[in-house]
Amino acid sequence: MNRVALAALTLSLGPGLPASAQTTSDLPLVWVLSTGGTISGRGATSTSLADYKSGALLGEELGSAVPEIQAVARVKVEQIANISSTDITVAHWLSLAKRINSIFQSDPSTAGVVITHGTNTIEETAYFLNLTVKHDRPVVLVGSMRPASAISADGPLNLLNAVRTAVSKEARGKGVLVVLNDEINGARDVTKTNTYRVETFRAGELGLLGYASRQWRVT
């Protein structure tokens, strides 16, 4: 089985040189297509983990809340929808597939596409796109199990890891991917196994494709 080894994310920066020292023009381009879901949800309090409104935040707000992304990629954000993933329809799938194919066809400088999405139907959307996206550059779906307003919200790190995966050359040709909880799964096999736990996405006997992790090496 092919594994997604994110060796491209192991940086040799030189003594004391931060990632932010890279110029913006050196960074790869990633499109973030936002559709709503828990990752953009907001509850009444920081402990409202199950009672919240999906799609309360826009994709631009999600990205600006994770400034660390600026050290990884140049990002363009486009709002496709802002709904709970239970309301995702075939029309949304078709819009996503057409937009992704258009981006890849018209802009060869794009390293990959990230889609923020609710977890209830993220596997269905991923599978559909796996069948309809006609390019080998990474398409990464990402969501969260806790709303953005929650204590220990998992969305920000998931989004950062999704962008890291999208710019990784090792992720090319692996089909559409789903990234949550530091794990990378293939669209053909992944399924949601728990409605409360952050480690919910599994690929059964076939297992995950790899881990999204950042290792720092100073030389």
N, C-alpha and C. Protein backbone atom coordinates (compact mmCIF):
# COMPACT_ATOMS: atom_id res chain seq x y z
N MET A 1 0.84 -1.20 0.00
CA MET A 1 0.00 0.00 0.00
C MET A 1 0.88 1.24 0.00
N ASN A 2 0.51 2.23 -0.80
CA ASN A 2 1.24 3.49 -0.81
C ASN A 2 0.98 4.24 0.47
N ARG A 3 2.05 4.80 1.00
CA ARG A 3 1.94 5.61 2.21
C ARG A 3 2.28 7.05 1.89
N VAL A 4 1.62 7.96 2.53
CA VAL A 4 1.91 9.37 2.31
C VAL A 4 2.93 9.80 3.35
N ALA A 5 4.19 9.76 2.99
CA ALA A 5 5.26 10.15 3.91
C ALA A 5 5.54 11.63 3.68
N LEU A 6 5.28 12.44 4.67
CA LEU A 6 5.39 13.88 4.48
C LEU A 6 6.80 14.36 4.77
N ALA A 7 7.76 13.73 4.07
CA ALA A 7 9.15 14.12 4.26
C ALA A 7 9.39 15.55 3.81
N ALA A 8 8.57 16.03 2.88
CA ALA A 8 8.75 17.40 2.38
C ALA A 8 8.51 18.43 3.47
N LEU A 9 7.90 18.00 4.57
CA LEU A 9 7.61 18.93 5.65
C LEU A 9 8.68 18.94 6.72
N THR A 10 9.74 18.14 6.52
CA THR A 10 10.87 18.19 7.42
C THR A 10 11.81 19.27 6.93
N LEU A 11 11.93 20.34 7.69
CA LEU A 11 12.65 21.52 7.20
C LEU A 11 14.06 21.58 7.76
N SER A 12 15.01 21.86 6.91
CA SER A 12 16.37 22.17 7.33
C SER A 12 16.55 23.68 7.19
N LEU A 13 16.43 24.40 8.28
CA LEU A 13 16.33 25.85 8.22
C LEU A 13 17.63 26.57 8.49
N GLY A 14 18.60 25.86 9.02
CA GLY A 14 19.82 26.54 9.42
C GLY A 14 19.67 27.10 10.82
N PRO A 15 20.77 27.38 11.51
CA PRO A 15 20.72 27.80 12.91
C PRO A 15 19.86 29.04 13.13
N GLY A 16 18.83 28.87 13.93
CA GLY A 16 18.03 30.01 14.36
C GLY A 16 17.17 30.64 13.30
N LEU A 17 17.03 30.03 12.12
CA LEU A 17 16.25 30.64 11.04
C LEU A 17 14.82 30.16 11.10
N PRO A 18 13.84 31.03 11.40
CA PRO A 18 12.44 30.62 11.51
C PRO A 18 11.82 30.42 10.16
N ALA A 19 10.71 29.65 10.11
CA ALA A 19 10.00 29.43 8.86
C ALA A 19 9.51 30.73 8.26
N SER A 20 9.22 31.71 9.10
CA SER A 20 8.69 32.98 8.63
C SER A 20 9.70 33.75 7.79
N ALA A 21 10.99 33.31 7.82
CA ALA A 21 12.01 34.00 7.05
C ALA A 21 11.89 33.72 5.56
N GLN A 22 11.12 32.70 5.19
CA GLN A 22 10.89 32.45 3.78
C GLN A 22 10.05 33.58 3.20
N THR A 23 10.35 33.97 1.97
CA THR A 23 9.55 35.00 1.34
C THR A 23 8.24 34.40 0.85
N THR A 24 7.21 35.24 0.80
CA THR A 24 5.89 34.78 0.40
C THR A 24 5.90 34.16 -0.99
N SER A 25 6.68 34.76 -1.89
CA SER A 25 6.70 34.26 -3.26
C SER A 25 7.31 32.87 -3.38
N ASP A 26 8.07 32.44 -2.36
CA ASP A 26 8.68 31.11 -2.38
C ASP A 26 7.68 30.01 -2.02
N LEU A 27 6.58 30.40 -1.42
CA LEU A 27 5.65 29.41 -0.90
C LEU A 27 4.70 28.91 -1.97
N PRO A 28 4.28 27.63 -1.89
CA PRO A 28 3.31 27.10 -2.85
C PRO A 28 1.92 27.68 -2.63
N LEU A 29 1.10 27.60 -3.67
CA LEU A 29 -0.26 28.14 -3.60
C LEU A 29 -1.26 27.03 -3.32
N VAL A 30 -2.14 27.27 -2.35
CA VAL A 30 -3.21 26.33 -2.01
C VAL A 30 -4.54 27.08 -2.01
N TRP A 31 -5.52 26.51 -2.69
CA TRP A 31 -6.88 27.04 -2.63
C TRP A 31 -7.62 26.35 -1.49
N VAL A 32 -8.33 27.13 -0.69
CA VAL A 32 -9.20 26.59 0.37
C VAL A 32 -10.64 26.89 -0.02
N LEU A 33 -11.39 25.82 -0.28
CA LEU A 33 -12.80 25.95 -0.62
C LEU A 33 -13.61 25.61 0.63
N SER A 34 -14.37 26.56 1.12
CA SER A 34 -15.07 26.41 2.39
C SER A 34 -16.54 26.07 2.17
N THR A 35 -17.04 25.08 2.92
CA THR A 35 -18.44 24.67 2.78
C THR A 35 -19.22 24.73 4.09
N GLY A 36 -18.57 25.06 5.19
CA GLY A 36 -19.27 25.12 6.48
C GLY A 36 -18.89 23.96 7.38
N GLY A 37 -19.87 23.43 8.12
CA GLY A 37 -19.61 22.31 9.01
C GLY A 37 -19.19 22.72 10.40
N THR A 38 -18.89 21.73 11.22
CA THR A 38 -18.48 21.97 12.61
C THR A 38 -17.22 22.80 12.69
N ILE A 39 -16.31 22.61 11.76
CA ILE A 39 -15.05 23.35 11.79
C ILE A 39 -15.28 24.86 11.75
N SER A 40 -16.41 25.27 11.19
CA SER A 40 -16.77 26.70 11.16
C SER A 40 -17.94 26.99 12.08
N GLY A 41 -18.16 26.11 13.06
CA GLY A 41 -19.29 26.25 13.97
C GLY A 41 -18.98 27.10 15.19
N ARG A 42 -20.03 27.62 15.80
CA ARG A 42 -19.88 28.42 17.02
C ARG A 42 -21.01 28.10 17.97
N GLY A 43 -20.63 27.83 19.24
CA GLY A 43 -21.61 27.56 20.28
C GLY A 43 -21.78 28.74 21.21
N ALA A 44 -22.76 28.63 22.10
CA ALA A 44 -23.04 29.72 23.03
C ALA A 44 -21.93 29.92 24.04
N THR A 45 -21.25 28.82 24.41
CA THR A 45 -20.15 28.89 25.37
C THR A 45 -19.01 28.02 24.87
N SER A 46 -17.88 28.13 25.53
CA SER A 46 -16.70 27.35 25.14
C SER A 46 -16.86 25.86 25.46
N THR A 47 -17.86 25.52 26.25
CA THR A 47 -18.10 24.11 26.56
C THR A 47 -19.30 23.54 25.80
N SER A 48 -19.84 24.31 24.87
CA SER A 48 -20.94 23.82 24.04
C SER A 48 -20.35 22.98 22.90
N LEU A 49 -20.10 21.71 23.18
CA LEU A 49 -19.43 20.85 22.21
C LEU A 49 -20.41 20.15 21.27
N ALA A 50 -21.67 20.06 21.67
CA ALA A 50 -22.66 19.40 20.82
C ALA A 50 -23.78 20.33 20.39
N ASP A 51 -23.93 21.43 21.09
CA ASP A 51 -25.00 22.39 20.77
C ASP A 51 -24.36 23.65 20.19
N TYR A 52 -24.35 23.75 18.87
CA TYR A 52 -23.70 24.87 18.21
C TYR A 52 -24.30 25.03 16.80
N LYS A 53 -23.99 26.14 16.18
CA LYS A 53 -24.46 26.41 14.82
C LYS A 53 -23.33 26.16 13.83
N SER A 54 -23.52 25.21 12.93
CA SER A 54 -22.53 24.97 11.88
C SER A 54 -22.52 26.14 10.90
N GLY A 55 -21.35 26.41 10.34
CA GLY A 55 -21.26 27.46 9.34
C GLY A 55 -21.42 28.86 9.90
N ALA A 56 -21.06 29.07 11.16
CA ALA A 56 -21.16 30.41 11.74
C ALA A 56 -20.01 31.30 11.30
N LEU A 57 -18.90 30.69 10.89
CA LEU A 57 -17.73 31.43 10.45
C LEU A 57 -17.50 31.22 8.96
N LEU A 58 -16.91 32.20 8.31
CA LEU A 58 -16.57 32.09 6.91
C LEU A 58 -15.18 31.48 6.76
N GLY A 59 -14.89 30.99 5.58
CA GLY A 59 -13.58 30.39 5.32
C GLY A 59 -12.44 31.35 5.58
N GLU A 60 -12.62 32.63 5.24
CA GLU A 60 -11.58 33.62 5.50
C GLU A 60 -11.27 33.73 6.99
N GLU A 61 -12.31 33.61 7.82
CA GLU A 61 -12.11 33.68 9.26
C GLU A 61 -11.38 32.46 9.78
N LEU A 62 -11.67 31.30 9.21
CA LEU A 62 -10.96 30.08 9.62
C LEU A 62 -9.48 30.20 9.32
N GLY A 63 -9.17 30.69 8.13
CA GLY A 63 -7.77 30.81 7.75
C GLY A 63 -7.02 31.85 8.57
N SER A 64 -7.65 32.98 8.83
CA SER A 64 -6.98 34.04 9.60
C SER A 64 -6.76 33.64 11.05
N ALA A 65 -7.52 32.66 11.54
CA ALA A 65 -7.36 32.19 12.92
C ALA A 65 -6.16 31.25 13.06
N VAL A 66 -5.54 30.89 11.93
CA VAL A 66 -4.38 29.99 11.97
C VAL A 66 -3.24 30.67 11.22
N PRO A 67 -2.60 31.67 11.81
CA PRO A 67 -1.55 32.41 11.12
C PRO A 67 -0.35 31.54 10.75
N GLU A 68 -0.20 30.38 11.41
CA GLU A 68 0.90 29.48 11.10
C GLU A 68 0.86 28.99 9.65
N ILE A 69 -0.33 29.02 9.05
CA ILE A 69 -0.45 28.60 7.65
C ILE A 69 0.41 29.48 6.74
N GLN A 70 0.61 30.73 7.13
CA GLN A 70 1.36 31.67 6.30
C GLN A 70 2.81 31.25 6.12
N ALA A 71 3.32 30.38 7.00
CA ALA A 71 4.68 29.87 6.87
C ALA A 71 4.74 28.64 5.97
N VAL A 72 3.57 28.14 5.57
CA VAL A 72 3.50 26.90 4.79
C VAL A 72 3.10 27.15 3.35
N ALA A 73 2.14 28.06 3.14
CA ALA A 73 1.59 28.24 1.79
C ALA A 73 0.96 29.62 1.63
N ARG A 74 0.87 30.05 0.38
CA ARG A 74 0.01 31.17 0.02
C ARG A 74 -1.40 30.60 -0.18
N VAL A 75 -2.39 31.21 0.41
CA VAL A 75 -3.74 30.64 0.42
C VAL A 75 -4.73 31.59 -0.23
N LYS A 76 -5.55 31.04 -1.11
CA LYS A 76 -6.71 31.74 -1.64
C LYS A 76 -7.95 31.03 -1.13
N VAL A 77 -8.89 31.77 -0.55
CA VAL A 77 -10.09 31.18 0.05
C VAL A 77 -11.30 31.53 -0.80
N GLU A 78 -12.14 30.53 -1.01
CA GLU A 78 -13.38 30.74 -1.75
C GLU A 78 -14.52 30.06 -1.00
N GLN A 79 -15.59 30.78 -0.77
CA GLN A 79 -16.75 30.24 -0.05
C GLN A 79 -17.69 29.57 -1.04
N ILE A 80 -17.80 28.25 -0.96
CA ILE A 80 -18.70 27.49 -1.83
C ILE A 80 -20.09 27.39 -1.22
N ALA A 81 -20.13 27.16 0.09
CA ALA A 81 -21.39 27.07 0.85
C ALA A 81 -21.04 27.36 2.30
N ASN A 82 -22.04 27.46 3.16
CA ASN A 82 -21.77 27.64 4.59
C ASN A 82 -22.89 26.99 5.38
N ILE A 83 -22.90 25.66 5.34
CA ILE A 83 -24.01 24.87 5.85
C ILE A 83 -23.51 23.67 6.65
N SER A 84 -24.42 23.04 7.35
CA SER A 84 -24.12 21.75 7.96
C SER A 84 -23.91 20.72 6.87
N SER A 85 -23.01 19.78 7.08
CA SER A 85 -22.76 18.79 6.02
C SER A 85 -23.94 17.85 5.81
N THR A 86 -24.89 17.83 6.73
CA THR A 86 -26.10 17.04 6.50
C THR A 86 -26.95 17.66 5.39
N ASP A 87 -26.67 18.93 5.06
CA ASP A 87 -27.42 19.61 4.00
C ASP A 87 -26.67 19.62 2.67
N ILE A 88 -25.53 18.97 2.61
CA ILE A 88 -24.79 18.88 1.36
C ILE A 88 -25.58 18.04 0.36
N THR A 89 -25.66 18.51 -0.88
CA THR A 89 -26.42 17.82 -1.91
C THR A 89 -25.53 17.48 -3.10
N VAL A 90 -26.09 16.76 -4.04
CA VAL A 90 -25.36 16.44 -5.27
C VAL A 90 -24.95 17.72 -6.00
N ALA A 91 -25.79 18.74 -5.92
CA ALA A 91 -25.47 20.02 -6.56
C ALA A 91 -24.18 20.61 -5.98
N HIS A 92 -24.00 20.50 -4.66
CA HIS A 92 -22.76 20.96 -4.05
C HIS A 92 -21.58 20.13 -4.54
N TRP A 93 -21.76 18.82 -4.62
CA TRP A 93 -20.68 17.96 -5.12
C TRP A 93 -20.26 18.35 -6.52
N LEU A 94 -21.23 18.58 -7.38
CA LEU A 94 -20.93 18.95 -8.76
C LEU A 94 -20.21 20.30 -8.80
N SER A 95 -20.64 21.23 -7.98
CA SER A 95 -19.99 22.55 -7.94
C SER A 95 -18.54 22.43 -7.49
N LEU A 96 -18.31 21.61 -6.46
CA LEU A 96 -16.95 21.41 -5.98
C LEU A 96 -16.06 20.76 -7.04
N ALA A 97 -16.57 19.70 -7.67
CA ALA A 97 -15.78 19.00 -8.68
C ALA A 97 -15.44 19.92 -9.84
N LYS A 98 -16.42 20.68 -10.32
CA LYS A 98 -16.18 21.61 -11.44
C LYS A 98 -15.18 22.69 -11.05
N ARG A 99 -15.31 23.21 -9.83
CA ARG A 99 -14.40 24.29 -9.40
C ARG A 99 -12.97 23.75 -9.24
N ILE A 100 -12.82 22.59 -8.65
CA ILE A 100 -11.48 22.02 -8.47
C ILE A 100 -10.82 21.74 -9.81
N ASN A 101 -11.55 21.12 -10.72
CA ASN A 101 -10.99 20.84 -12.04
C ASN A 101 -10.63 22.13 -12.77
N SER A 102 -11.45 23.17 -12.58
CA SER A 102 -11.17 24.45 -13.21
C SER A 102 -9.91 25.08 -12.65
N ILE A 103 -9.74 25.02 -11.33
CA ILE A 103 -8.55 25.58 -10.69
C ILE A 103 -7.29 24.89 -11.20
N PHE A 104 -7.31 23.56 -11.20
CA PHE A 104 -6.13 22.82 -11.63
C PHE A 104 -5.82 23.05 -13.11
N GLN A 105 -6.85 23.15 -13.91
CA GLN A 105 -6.65 23.34 -15.34
C GLN A 105 -6.14 24.74 -15.67
N SER A 106 -6.66 25.74 -14.98
CA SER A 106 -6.33 27.13 -15.32
C SER A 106 -5.10 27.65 -14.61
N ASP A 107 -4.71 27.02 -13.50
CA ASP A 107 -3.59 27.54 -12.72
C ASP A 107 -2.61 26.43 -12.37
N PRO A 108 -1.62 26.17 -13.22
CA PRO A 108 -0.66 25.10 -12.94
C PRO A 108 0.21 25.37 -11.72
N SER A 109 0.22 26.60 -11.20
CA SER A 109 1.01 26.91 -10.02
C SER A 109 0.36 26.44 -8.72
N THR A 110 -0.91 26.05 -8.80
CA THR A 110 -1.62 25.58 -7.60
C THR A 110 -1.06 24.23 -7.16
N ALA A 111 -0.61 24.14 -5.91
CA ALA A 111 -0.06 22.89 -5.39
C ALA A 111 -1.15 21.91 -5.02
N GLY A 112 -2.26 22.41 -4.49
CA GLY A 112 -3.34 21.54 -4.06
C GLY A 112 -4.55 22.33 -3.61
N VAL A 113 -5.61 21.61 -3.32
CA VAL A 113 -6.87 22.21 -2.87
C VAL A 113 -7.27 21.60 -1.54
N VAL A 114 -7.68 22.43 -0.61
CA VAL A 114 -8.21 22.00 0.68
C VAL A 114 -9.68 22.38 0.75
N ILE A 115 -10.52 21.46 1.22
CA ILE A 115 -11.95 21.73 1.37
C ILE A 115 -12.32 21.59 2.84
N THR A 116 -12.80 22.67 3.45
CA THR A 116 -13.31 22.57 4.82
C THR A 116 -14.75 22.08 4.76
N HIS A 117 -15.09 21.11 5.59
CA HIS A 117 -16.34 20.37 5.40
C HIS A 117 -16.80 19.79 6.73
N GLY A 118 -18.09 19.65 6.90
CA GLY A 118 -18.63 18.96 8.06
C GLY A 118 -18.34 17.47 8.00
N THR A 119 -18.27 16.84 9.16
CA THR A 119 -17.84 15.43 9.20
C THR A 119 -18.95 14.43 8.91
N ASN A 120 -20.22 14.84 9.00
CA ASN A 120 -21.30 13.87 8.80
C ASN A 120 -21.29 13.27 7.41
N THR A 121 -20.92 14.07 6.41
CA THR A 121 -20.90 13.56 5.03
C THR A 121 -19.55 13.77 4.35
N ILE A 122 -18.51 13.98 5.13
CA ILE A 122 -17.21 14.25 4.53
C ILE A 122 -16.71 13.05 3.71
N GLU A 123 -17.03 11.85 4.16
CA GLU A 123 -16.56 10.67 3.42
C GLU A 123 -17.28 10.52 2.08
N GLU A 124 -18.57 10.89 2.05
CA GLU A 124 -19.31 10.82 0.78
C GLU A 124 -18.80 11.85 -0.22
N THR A 125 -18.56 13.07 0.27
CA THR A 125 -18.02 14.10 -0.61
C THR A 125 -16.64 13.71 -1.11
N ALA A 126 -15.82 13.18 -0.24
CA ALA A 126 -14.47 12.76 -0.63
C ALA A 126 -14.52 11.67 -1.69
N TYR A 127 -15.41 10.72 -1.52
CA TYR A 127 -15.50 9.63 -2.49
C TYR A 127 -15.97 10.13 -3.85
N PHE A 128 -16.97 11.03 -3.84
CA PHE A 128 -17.45 11.59 -5.10
C PHE A 128 -16.33 12.34 -5.82
N LEU A 129 -15.59 13.15 -5.09
CA LEU A 129 -14.51 13.91 -5.71
C LEU A 129 -13.39 12.99 -6.17
N ASN A 130 -13.18 11.90 -5.46
CA ASN A 130 -12.17 10.92 -5.88
C ASN A 130 -12.49 10.36 -7.26
N LEU A 131 -13.77 10.30 -7.59
CA LEU A 131 -14.20 9.77 -8.89
C LEU A 131 -14.23 10.84 -9.98
N THR A 132 -14.32 12.11 -9.60
CA THR A 132 -14.61 13.15 -10.59
C THR A 132 -13.50 14.18 -10.78
N VAL A 133 -12.56 14.29 -9.85
CA VAL A 133 -11.43 15.21 -10.05
C VAL A 133 -10.42 14.55 -10.98
N LYS A 134 -10.00 15.26 -12.00
CA LYS A 134 -9.21 14.67 -13.07
C LYS A 134 -7.75 15.10 -13.05
N HIS A 135 -7.21 15.33 -11.88
CA HIS A 135 -5.82 15.75 -11.75
C HIS A 135 -5.17 15.00 -10.60
N ASP A 136 -3.85 14.89 -10.63
CA ASP A 136 -3.16 14.12 -9.59
C ASP A 136 -2.69 14.97 -8.43
N ARG A 137 -2.89 16.30 -8.51
CA ARG A 137 -2.50 17.15 -7.39
C ARG A 137 -3.45 16.92 -6.21
N PRO A 138 -2.96 17.09 -4.98
CA PRO A 138 -3.75 16.73 -3.80
C PRO A 138 -5.04 17.54 -3.65
N VAL A 139 -6.10 16.82 -3.33
CA VAL A 139 -7.35 17.42 -2.86
C VAL A 139 -7.58 16.86 -1.47
N VAL A 140 -7.64 17.73 -0.49
CA VAL A 140 -7.68 17.32 0.92
C VAL A 140 -8.93 17.86 1.58
N LEU A 141 -9.76 16.97 2.10
CA LEU A 141 -10.93 17.40 2.87
C LEU A 141 -10.57 17.40 4.34
N VAL A 142 -11.03 18.44 5.03
CA VAL A 142 -10.72 18.58 6.45
C VAL A 142 -11.94 19.08 7.19
N GLY A 143 -12.12 18.61 8.40
CA GLY A 143 -13.21 19.06 9.26
C GLY A 143 -12.74 19.04 10.71
N SER A 144 -13.68 19.03 11.61
CA SER A 144 -13.34 18.94 13.02
C SER A 144 -14.51 18.31 13.77
N MET A 145 -14.23 17.81 14.94
CA MET A 145 -15.25 17.21 15.78
C MET A 145 -15.74 18.18 16.86
N ARG A 146 -15.03 19.30 17.01
CA ARG A 146 -15.43 20.33 17.97
C ARG A 146 -15.57 21.65 17.23
N PRO A 147 -16.56 22.46 17.61
CA PRO A 147 -16.73 23.76 16.93
C PRO A 147 -15.57 24.69 17.22
N ALA A 148 -15.45 25.71 16.39
CA ALA A 148 -14.34 26.65 16.52
C ALA A 148 -14.33 27.37 17.87
N SER A 149 -15.50 27.50 18.50
CA SER A 149 -15.61 28.22 19.77
C SER A 149 -15.29 27.36 20.98
N ALA A 150 -15.03 26.08 20.79
CA ALA A 150 -14.88 25.15 21.91
C ALA A 150 -13.49 25.20 22.54
N ILE A 151 -13.43 24.84 23.81
CA ILE A 151 -12.14 24.58 24.44
C ILE A 151 -11.46 23.45 23.67
N SER A 152 -10.17 23.62 23.40
CA SER A 152 -9.39 22.60 22.67
C SER A 152 -10.02 22.27 21.32
N ALA A 153 -10.49 23.28 20.62
CA ALA A 153 -11.03 23.06 19.27
C ALA A 153 -9.97 22.41 18.40
N ASP A 154 -10.35 21.36 17.67
CA ASP A 154 -9.40 20.62 16.85
C ASP A 154 -9.29 21.15 15.43
N GLY A 155 -10.19 22.07 15.05
CA GLY A 155 -10.20 22.57 13.69
C GLY A 155 -8.94 23.30 13.25
N PRO A 156 -8.38 24.21 14.05
CA PRO A 156 -7.21 24.95 13.60
C PRO A 156 -6.02 24.07 13.23
N LEU A 157 -5.67 23.10 14.09
CA LEU A 157 -4.55 22.21 13.75
C LEU A 157 -4.90 21.31 12.58
N ASN A 158 -6.16 20.85 12.51
CA ASN A 158 -6.57 20.04 11.36
C ASN A 158 -6.40 20.82 10.06
N LEU A 159 -6.78 22.09 10.07
CA LEU A 159 -6.66 22.91 8.87
C LEU A 159 -5.19 23.11 8.49
N LEU A 160 -4.36 23.39 9.46
CA LEU A 160 -2.93 23.54 9.20
C LEU A 160 -2.36 22.25 8.60
N ASN A 161 -2.71 21.11 9.17
CA ASN A 161 -2.22 19.83 8.66
C ASN A 161 -2.75 19.54 7.26
N ALA A 162 -3.96 19.97 6.98
CA ALA A 162 -4.52 19.77 5.64
C ALA A 162 -3.73 20.56 4.61
N VAL A 163 -3.38 21.80 4.95
CA VAL A 163 -2.58 22.62 4.03
C VAL A 163 -1.19 22.01 3.86
N ARG A 164 -0.60 21.55 4.95
CA ARG A 164 0.70 20.88 4.87
C ARG A 164 0.64 19.69 3.93
N THR A 165 -0.43 18.92 4.04
CA THR A 165 -0.59 17.76 3.17
C THR A 165 -0.76 18.17 1.72
N ALA A 166 -1.53 19.23 1.50
CA ALA A 166 -1.82 19.69 0.14
C ALA A 166 -0.57 20.16 -0.60
N VAL A 167 0.43 20.66 0.12
CA VAL A 167 1.65 21.14 -0.53
C VAL A 167 2.72 20.07 -0.61
N SER A 168 2.46 18.90 -0.05
CA SER A 168 3.45 17.83 -0.05
C SER A 168 3.46 17.08 -1.38
N LYS A 169 4.63 16.97 -2.00
CA LYS A 169 4.74 16.23 -3.25
C LYS A 169 4.41 14.76 -3.04
N GLU A 170 4.66 14.25 -1.83
CA GLU A 170 4.36 12.85 -1.53
C GLU A 170 2.87 12.55 -1.52
N ALA A 171 2.03 13.60 -1.44
CA ALA A 171 0.59 13.40 -1.45
C ALA A 171 0.01 13.33 -2.85
N ARG A 172 0.83 13.63 -3.85
CA ARG A 172 0.34 13.60 -5.24
C ARG A 172 0.04 12.17 -5.68
N GLY A 173 -1.00 12.04 -6.47
CA GLY A 173 -1.33 10.75 -7.04
C GLY A 173 -1.94 9.76 -6.07
N LYS A 174 -2.31 10.20 -4.88
CA LYS A 174 -2.89 9.31 -3.88
C LYS A 174 -4.42 9.40 -3.86
N GLY A 175 -4.99 10.17 -4.79
CA GLY A 175 -6.43 10.36 -4.78
C GLY A 175 -6.82 11.42 -3.77
N VAL A 176 -8.11 11.59 -3.59
CA VAL A 176 -8.62 12.56 -2.61
C VAL A 176 -8.34 12.03 -1.20
N LEU A 177 -7.94 12.94 -0.31
CA LEU A 177 -7.54 12.57 1.05
C LEU A 177 -8.42 13.25 2.08
N VAL A 178 -8.53 12.62 3.25
CA VAL A 178 -9.24 13.19 4.39
C VAL A 178 -8.25 13.30 5.54
N VAL A 179 -8.10 14.51 6.09
CA VAL A 179 -7.12 14.74 7.15
C VAL A 179 -7.83 15.26 8.39
N LEU A 180 -7.76 14.50 9.45
CA LEU A 180 -8.22 14.92 10.78
C LEU A 180 -7.36 14.20 11.82
N ASN A 181 -7.19 14.83 12.97
CA ASN A 181 -6.54 14.19 14.11
C ASN A 181 -5.13 13.70 13.74
N ASP A 182 -4.40 14.47 12.95
CA ASP A 182 -3.03 14.15 12.52
C ASP A 182 -2.95 12.95 11.58
N GLU A 183 -4.06 12.43 11.12
CA GLU A 183 -4.05 11.23 10.30
C GLU A 183 -4.56 11.51 8.89
N ILE A 184 -3.96 10.83 7.91
CA ILE A 184 -4.31 10.98 6.50
C ILE A 184 -4.95 9.69 6.02
N ASN A 185 -6.19 9.78 5.56
CA ASN A 185 -6.90 8.61 5.06
C ASN A 185 -7.30 8.82 3.60
N GLY A 186 -7.42 7.72 2.86
CA GLY A 186 -7.85 7.78 1.48
C GLY A 186 -9.36 7.80 1.37
N ALA A 187 -9.87 8.52 0.38
CA ALA A 187 -11.32 8.68 0.23
C ALA A 187 -12.03 7.36 -0.04
N ARG A 188 -11.38 6.42 -0.68
CA ARG A 188 -12.02 5.16 -1.02
C ARG A 188 -12.37 4.33 0.21
N ASP A 189 -11.64 4.50 1.29
CA ASP A 189 -11.75 3.56 2.41
C ASP A 189 -12.19 4.18 3.73
N VAL A 190 -12.10 5.52 3.86
CA VAL A 190 -12.32 6.13 5.16
C VAL A 190 -13.80 6.18 5.52
N THR A 191 -14.08 6.06 6.81
CA THR A 191 -15.45 6.18 7.30
C THR A 191 -15.43 6.76 8.71
N LYS A 192 -16.50 7.46 9.06
CA LYS A 192 -16.64 8.03 10.40
C LYS A 192 -17.17 6.95 11.33
N THR A 193 -16.51 6.76 12.47
CA THR A 193 -16.87 5.66 13.36
C THR A 193 -17.44 6.11 14.70
N ASN A 194 -17.37 7.42 15.00
CA ASN A 194 -17.83 7.90 16.29
C ASN A 194 -18.26 9.36 16.14
N THR A 195 -19.35 9.74 16.76
CA THR A 195 -19.86 11.11 16.61
C THR A 195 -19.31 12.07 17.66
N TYR A 196 -18.46 11.59 18.58
CA TYR A 196 -17.97 12.45 19.65
C TYR A 196 -16.45 12.53 19.73
N ARG A 197 -15.74 11.54 19.22
CA ARG A 197 -14.30 11.46 19.43
C ARG A 197 -13.52 12.07 18.26
N VAL A 198 -12.39 12.71 18.55
CA VAL A 198 -11.59 13.32 17.48
C VAL A 198 -10.89 12.26 16.64
N GLU A 199 -10.74 11.05 17.18
CA GLU A 199 -10.09 9.96 16.44
C GLU A 199 -11.11 9.10 15.70
N THR A 200 -12.13 9.72 15.15
CA THR A 200 -13.26 8.99 14.61
C THR A 200 -13.02 8.36 13.24
N PHE A 201 -12.18 8.98 12.39
CA PHE A 201 -12.08 8.49 11.01
C PHE A 201 -11.11 7.33 10.89
N ARG A 202 -11.61 6.23 10.29
CA ARG A 202 -10.86 4.99 10.18
C ARG A 202 -11.01 4.42 8.78
N ALA A 203 -10.07 3.58 8.41
CA ALA A 203 -10.12 2.94 7.10
C ALA A 203 -10.13 1.41 7.21
N GLY A 204 -10.67 0.91 8.30
CA GLY A 204 -10.85 -0.53 8.45
C GLY A 204 -9.55 -1.30 8.34
N GLU A 205 -9.59 -2.45 7.68
CA GLU A 205 -8.43 -3.32 7.57
C GLU A 205 -7.30 -2.70 6.76
N LEU A 206 -7.64 -1.80 5.83
CA LEU A 206 -6.62 -1.22 4.97
C LEU A 206 -5.77 -0.19 5.71
N GLY A 207 -6.32 0.44 6.72
CA GLY A 207 -5.57 1.39 7.52
C GLY A 207 -5.38 2.74 6.88
N LEU A 208 -4.82 3.66 7.66
CA LEU A 208 -4.60 5.01 7.17
C LEU A 208 -3.40 5.05 6.23
N LEU A 209 -3.30 6.14 5.47
CA LEU A 209 -2.21 6.29 4.52
C LEU A 209 -0.96 6.89 5.15
N GLY A 210 -1.15 7.69 6.16
CA GLY A 210 0.01 8.32 6.77
C GLY A 210 -0.38 9.30 7.86
N TYR A 211 0.63 9.99 8.39
CA TYR A 211 0.41 10.97 9.44
C TYR A 211 0.82 12.35 8.96
N ALA A 212 0.09 13.34 9.37
CA ALA A 212 0.46 14.73 9.11
C ALA A 212 1.18 15.24 10.34
N SER A 213 2.47 15.46 10.20
CA SER A 213 3.25 15.90 11.36
C SER A 213 4.34 16.84 10.88
N ARG A 214 4.80 17.67 11.77
CA ARG A 214 5.85 18.63 11.44
C ARG A 214 7.06 18.33 12.30
N GLN A 215 8.17 18.03 11.67
CA GLN A 215 9.40 17.78 12.39
C GLN A 215 10.37 18.91 12.06
N TRP A 216 11.04 19.42 13.08
CA TRP A 216 11.99 20.50 12.86
C TRP A 216 13.40 19.96 13.02
N ARG A 217 14.24 20.33 12.08
CA ARG A 217 15.62 19.89 12.14
C ARG A 217 16.50 21.10 11.90
N VAL A 218 17.35 21.43 12.86
CA VAL A 218 18.24 22.58 12.74
C VAL A 218 19.63 22.07 12.45
N THR A 219 20.24 22.54 11.38
CA THR A 219 21.58 22.10 11.00
C THR A 219 22.58 23.24 11.16
